[in-house]
C-alpha atoms as a PDB file:
ATOM      1  CA  UNK A   1       1.980 -39.288 -19.977  1.00  0.00           C
ATOM      2  CA  UNK A   2       5.432 -40.609 -19.358  1.00  0.00           C
ATOM      3  CA  UNK A   3       6.851 -39.734 -16.013  1.00  0.00           C
ATOM      4  CA  UNK A   4      10.110 -38.973 -17.776  1.00  0.00           C
ATOM      5  CA  UNK A   5       8.484 -35.984 -19.432  1.00  0.00           C
ATOM      6  CA  UNK A   6       7.254 -34.392 -16.216  1.00  0.00           C
ATOM      7  CA  UNK A   7       9.357 -31.583 -14.833  1.00  0.00           C
ATOM      8  CA  UNK A   8       8.407 -30.581 -11.299  1.00  0.00           C
ATOM      9  CA  UNK A   9       7.738 -26.896 -10.830  1.00  0.00           C
ATOM     10  CA  UNK A  10       9.121 -25.692  -7.495  1.00  0.00           C
ATOM     11  CA  UNK A  11       9.316 -22.073  -6.556  1.00  0.00           C
ATOM     12  CA  UNK A  12      12.019 -21.056  -4.163  1.00  0.00           C
ATOM     13  CA  UNK A  13      10.627 -20.349  -0.720  1.00  0.00           C
ATOM     14  CA  UNK A  14      11.109 -16.623   0.179  1.00  0.00           C
ATOM     15  CA  UNK A  15      13.494 -16.060   3.111  1.00  0.00           C
ATOM     16  CA  UNK A  16      11.988 -14.435   6.153  1.00  0.00           C
ATOM     17  CA  UNK A  17      13.484 -13.784   9.546  1.00  0.00           C
ATOM     18  CA  UNK A  18       9.948 -14.296  10.910  1.00  0.00           C
ATOM     19  CA  UNK A  19       9.154 -17.899  10.287  1.00  0.00           C
ATOM     20  CA  UNK A  20       5.599 -17.878  11.644  1.00  0.00           C
ATOM     21  CA  UNK A  21       2.442 -19.307  10.158  1.00  0.00           C
ATOM     22  CA  UNK A  22       0.469 -17.638   7.349  1.00  0.00           C
ATOM     23  CA  UNK A  23      -1.368 -14.537   8.490  1.00  0.00           C
ATOM     24  CA  UNK A  24      -4.419 -15.068  10.617  1.00  0.00           C
ATOM     25  CA  UNK A  25      -7.844 -14.097   9.333  1.00  0.00           C
ATOM     26  CA  UNK A  26      -8.855 -12.402  12.618  1.00  0.00           C
ATOM     27  CA  UNK A  27      -5.945 -10.022  12.216  1.00  0.00           C
ATOM     28  CA  UNK A  28      -6.973  -9.226   8.646  1.00  0.00           C
ATOM     29  CA  UNK A  29     -10.467  -8.498   9.840  1.00  0.00           C
ATOM     30  CA  UNK A  30      -9.322  -6.168  12.621  1.00  0.00           C
ATOM     31  CA  UNK A  31      -6.878  -4.352  10.330  1.00  0.00           C
ATOM     32  CA  UNK A  32      -9.596  -3.899   7.737  1.00  0.00           C
ATOM     33  CA  UNK A  33     -11.558  -1.950  10.410  1.00  0.00           C
ATOM     34  CA  UNK A  34      -8.588   0.425  10.563  1.00  0.00           C
ATOM     35  CA  UNK A  35      -7.864   0.545   6.789  1.00  0.00           C
ATOM     36  CA  UNK A  36     -11.147   0.009   4.956  1.00  0.00           C
ATOM     37  CA  UNK A  37      -9.837  -0.158   1.389  1.00  0.00           C
ATOM     38  CA  UNK A  38      -8.597  -3.745   0.804  1.00  0.00           C
ATOM     39  CA  UNK A  39      -6.139  -2.638  -1.857  1.00  0.00           C
ATOM     40  CA  UNK A  40      -4.557  -0.057   0.412  1.00  0.00           C
ATOM     41  CA  UNK A  41      -4.380  -2.601   3.213  1.00  0.00           C
ATOM     42  CA  UNK A  42      -2.649  -5.168   0.928  1.00  0.00           C
ATOM     43  CA  UNK A  43      -0.127  -2.612  -0.206  1.00  0.00           C
ATOM     44  CA  UNK A  44       0.589  -1.400   3.393  1.00  0.00           C
ATOM     45  CA  UNK A  45       1.102  -4.999   4.599  1.00  0.00           C
ATOM     46  CA  UNK A  46       3.264  -5.995   1.645  1.00  0.00           C
ATOM     47  CA  UNK A  47       5.467  -2.940   1.960  1.00  0.00           C
ATOM     48  CA  UNK A  48       5.897  -3.518   5.701  1.00  0.00           C
ATOM     49  CA  UNK A  49       6.619  -7.166   5.172  1.00  0.00           C
ATOM     50  CA  UNK A  50       9.385  -6.228   2.725  1.00  0.00           C
ATOM     51  CA  UNK A  51      10.807  -3.808   5.324  1.00  0.00           C
ATOM     52  CA  UNK A  52      10.729  -6.445   8.072  1.00  0.00           C
ATOM     53  CA  UNK A  53      12.373  -9.091   5.826  1.00  0.00           C
ATOM     54  CA  UNK A  54      15.086  -6.633   4.880  1.00  0.00           C
ATOM     55  CA  UNK A  55      16.104  -6.165   8.507  1.00  0.00           C
ATOM     56  CA  UNK A  56      13.800  -3.413   9.920  1.00  0.00           C
ATOM     57  CA  UNK A  57      12.773  -4.027  13.526  1.00  0.00           C
ATOM     58  CA  UNK A  58       9.160  -4.699  14.555  1.00  0.00           C
ATOM     59  CA  UNK A  59       7.392  -1.920  16.280  1.00  0.00           C
ATOM     60  CA  UNK A  60       5.551  -4.287  18.622  1.00  0.00           C
ATOM     61  CA  UNK A  61       6.553  -7.052  20.910  1.00  0.00           C
ATOM     62  CA  UNK A  62       6.684 -10.361  18.901  1.00  0.00           C
ATOM     63  CA  UNK A  63       6.640 -14.069  19.569  1.00  0.00           C
ATOM     64  CA  UNK A  64       8.337 -16.708  17.444  1.00  0.00           C
ATOM     65  CA  UNK A  65       5.010 -17.957  16.035  1.00  0.00           C
ATOM     66  CA  UNK A  66       4.326 -14.553  14.326  1.00  0.00           C
ATOM     67  CA  UNK A  67       5.067 -14.286  10.639  1.00  0.00           C
ATOM     68  CA  UNK A  68       6.047 -10.941   9.106  1.00  0.00           C
ATOM     69  CA  UNK A  69       2.479 -10.440   7.787  1.00  0.00           C
ATOM     70  CA  UNK A  70       1.077 -10.922  11.312  1.00  0.00           C
ATOM     71  CA  UNK A  71       3.479  -8.421  12.670  1.00  0.00           C
ATOM     72  CA  UNK A  72       2.559  -5.872   9.964  1.00  0.00           C
ATOM     73  CA  UNK A  73      -1.099  -6.416  10.562  1.00  0.00           C
ATOM     74  CA  UNK A  74      -0.751  -6.067  14.349  1.00  0.00           C
ATOM     75  CA  UNK A  75       1.288  -2.842  13.801  1.00  0.00           C
ATOM     76  CA  UNK A  76      -1.596  -1.418  11.731  1.00  0.00           C
ATOM     77  CA  UNK A  77      -4.169  -2.523  14.303  1.00  0.00           C
ATOM     78  CA  UNK A  78      -2.249  -0.910  17.104  1.00  0.00           C
ATOM     79  CA  UNK A  79      -1.706   2.332  15.122  1.00  0.00           C
ATOM     80  CA  UNK A  80       2.088   1.928  14.932  1.00  0.00           C
ATOM     81  CA  UNK A  81       2.005   2.332  11.173  1.00  0.00           C
ATOM     82  CA  UNK A  82      -0.672   4.215   9.244  1.00  0.00           C
ATOM     83  CA  UNK A  83      -1.376   5.650   5.821  1.00  0.00           C
ATOM     84  CA  UNK A  84      -0.375   9.308   5.530  1.00  0.00           C
ATOM     85  CA  UNK A  85      -2.007  11.465   2.904  1.00  0.00           C
ATOM     86  CA  UNK A  86       0.460  13.317   0.806  1.00  0.00           C
ATOM     87  CA  UNK A  87      -0.440  16.353  -1.298  1.00  0.00           C
ATOM     88  CA  UNK A  88      -0.819  15.574  -4.989  1.00  0.00           C
ATOM     89  CA  UNK A  89       1.862  16.973  -7.296  1.00  0.00           C
ATOM     90  CA  UNK A  90       0.150  19.681  -9.297  1.00  0.00           C
END
């Protein structure tokens, strides 16, 4: 292949006010003890990360090394955010 024909594929890096490292597996394990369904846990974390990145304040004390996903997981572990059952529309 000619190097002239190669186009690099670069995705823009998402902006986050919380520039920490990728989420830590020990936090994922602890949070999965609180929310046992992995799909529900993923949805909760991703929704909270979006909230944090859009300007919502963390509900726990943070340090600069914590990323938004770490904050969301820690909030779940500490019971600051939780899944609330809503009645089904009938």
